[in-house]
Amino acid sequence: MQNKTLKPGDHVIDIHGHEGIVVVVQPGNDVEDHGTVAVWQMNRTEYGIDNCEHYCEFGWEKSLRIIKN
């Protein structure tokens, strides 16, 4: 199986069905230093000034799926 990489500009969907665009990827090494993926929530507006939801970068495949990169 090929390793997937997540990068800014990728169109993703989370486990709750919310779509967005990846804007920041800060790598993590393990569950303690899990890094960050910031996803601009394209169809939601309740996330404040940057309108981003944040996910763990380490193991991101459990929370996000790439729709289009």
C-alpha atoms as a PDB file:
ATOM      1  CA  MET A   1       0.000   0.000   0.000  1.00  0.00           C
ATOM      2  CA  GLN A   2       1.296   3.425  -0.941  1.00  0.00           C
ATOM      3  CA  ASN A   3       1.739   5.966   1.863  1.00  0.00           C
ATOM      4  CA  LYS A   4      -0.558   8.943   1.465  1.00  0.00           C
ATOM      5  CA  THR A   5       0.774  12.407   2.107  1.00  0.00           C
ATOM      6  CA  LEU A   6      -1.317  15.337   3.183  1.00  0.00           C
ATOM      7  CA  LYS A   7      -0.366  18.790   1.919  1.00  0.00           C
ATOM      8  CA  PRO A   8      -1.793  22.316   1.851  1.00  0.00           C
ATOM      9  CA  GLY A   9      -4.388  22.665  -0.873  1.00  0.00           C
ATOM     10  CA  ASP A  10      -5.770  19.132  -0.526  1.00  0.00           C
ATOM     11  CA  HIS A  11      -9.571  18.931  -0.464  1.00  0.00           C
ATOM     12  CA  VAL A  12     -10.518  16.634   2.441  1.00  0.00           C
ATOM     13  CA  ILE A  13     -13.552  15.295   4.273  1.00  0.00           C
ATOM     14  CA  ASP A  14     -13.556  14.419   7.976  1.00  0.00           C
ATOM     15  CA  ILE A  15     -15.241  11.504   9.750  1.00  0.00           C
ATOM     16  CA  HIS A  16     -18.322  13.666  10.367  1.00  0.00           C
ATOM     17  CA  GLY A  17     -18.783  14.538   6.686  1.00  0.00           C
ATOM     18  CA  HIS A  18     -17.425  18.090   6.877  1.00  0.00           C
ATOM     19  CA  GLU A  19     -15.375  19.135   3.850  1.00  0.00           C
ATOM     20  CA  GLY A  20     -12.517  21.590   3.796  1.00  0.00           C
ATOM     21  CA  ILE A  21      -9.168  22.603   2.373  1.00  0.00           C
ATOM     22  CA  VAL A  22      -5.910  21.801   4.164  1.00  0.00           C
ATOM     23  CA  VAL A  23      -4.070  25.062   4.929  1.00  0.00           C
ATOM     24  CA  VAL A  24      -1.351  23.960   7.389  1.00  0.00           C
ATOM     25  CA  VAL A  25       0.445  20.649   7.997  1.00  0.00           C
ATOM     26  CA  GLN A  26       2.850  20.532  10.957  1.00  0.00           C
ATOM     27  CA  PRO A  27       4.280  16.995  11.212  1.00  0.00           C
ATOM     28  CA  GLY A  28       4.126  14.963  14.395  1.00  0.00           C
ATOM     29  CA  ASN A  29       6.122  11.917  15.482  1.00  0.00           C
ATOM     30  CA  ASP A  30       3.798  10.020  17.832  1.00  0.00           C
ATOM     31  CA  VAL A  31       0.627  10.294  19.921  1.00  0.00           C
ATOM     32  CA  GLU A  32       2.264  12.770  22.329  1.00  0.00           C
ATOM     33  CA  ASP A  33       3.873  14.948  19.644  1.00  0.00           C
ATOM     34  CA  HIS A  34       0.943  14.562  17.269  1.00  0.00           C
ATOM     35  CA  GLY A  35       1.460  17.632  15.051  1.00  0.00           C
ATOM     36  CA  THR A  36      -1.390  19.622  13.541  1.00  0.00           C
ATOM     37  CA  VAL A  37      -3.462  19.719  10.382  1.00  0.00           C
ATOM     38  CA  ALA A  38      -5.513  22.901   9.998  1.00  0.00           C
ATOM     39  CA  VAL A  39      -8.475  22.528   7.637  1.00  0.00           C
ATOM     40  CA  TRP A  40     -10.399  25.574   6.449  1.00  0.00           C
ATOM     41  CA  GLN A  41     -14.060  24.633   6.822  1.00  0.00           C
ATOM     42  CA  MET A  42     -15.476  25.660   3.465  1.00  0.00           C
ATOM     43  CA  ASN A  43     -19.170  25.148   4.320  1.00  0.00           C
ATOM     44  CA  ARG A  44     -19.135  26.157   7.989  1.00  0.00           C
ATOM     45  CA  THR A  45     -18.715  29.539   9.640  1.00  0.00           C
ATOM     46  CA  GLU A  46     -18.689  28.905  13.403  1.00  0.00           C
ATOM     47  CA  TYR A  47     -14.920  28.475  13.718  1.00  0.00           C
ATOM     48  CA  GLY A  48     -13.967  32.069  14.385  1.00  0.00           C
ATOM     49  CA  ILE A  49     -11.635  34.330  12.493  1.00  0.00           C
ATOM     50  CA  ASP A  50      -9.613  31.627  10.691  1.00  0.00           C
ATOM     51  CA  ASN A  51     -12.605  29.255  10.222  1.00  0.00           C
ATOM     52  CA  CYS A  52     -10.325  26.205  10.682  1.00  0.00           C
ATOM     53  CA  GLU A  53     -10.800  22.877  12.411  1.00  0.00           C
ATOM     54  CA  HIS A  54      -7.606  21.298  13.746  1.00  0.00           C
ATOM     55  CA  TYR A  55      -6.723  17.605  13.571  1.00  0.00           C
ATOM     56  CA  CYS A  56      -3.743  15.502  14.679  1.00  0.00           C
ATOM     57  CA  GLU A  57      -1.197  15.082  11.889  1.00  0.00           C
ATOM     58  CA  PHE A  58       0.137  11.805  13.317  1.00  0.00           C
ATOM     59  CA  GLY A  59      -2.468   9.244  12.257  1.00  0.00           C
ATOM     60  CA  TRP A  60      -4.474  11.803  10.262  1.00  0.00           C
ATOM     61  CA  GLU A  61      -5.930   8.952   8.154  1.00  0.00           C
ATOM     62  CA  LYS A  62      -8.228   8.089  11.083  1.00  0.00           C
ATOM     63  CA  SER A  63      -9.907  11.526  10.892  1.00  0.00           C
ATOM     64  CA  LEU A  64      -9.524  12.713   7.309  1.00  0.00           C
ATOM     65  CA  ARG A  65      -9.844  11.380   3.778  1.00  0.00           C
ATOM     66  CA  ILE A  66      -8.414  13.167   0.742  1.00  0.00           C
ATOM     67  CA  ILE A  67     -11.126  13.885  -1.826  1.00  0.00           C
ATOM     68  CA  LYS A  68      -8.941  15.721  -4.304  1.00  0.00           C
ATOM     69  CA  ASN A  69      -5.303  16.796  -4.227  1.00  0.00           C
END
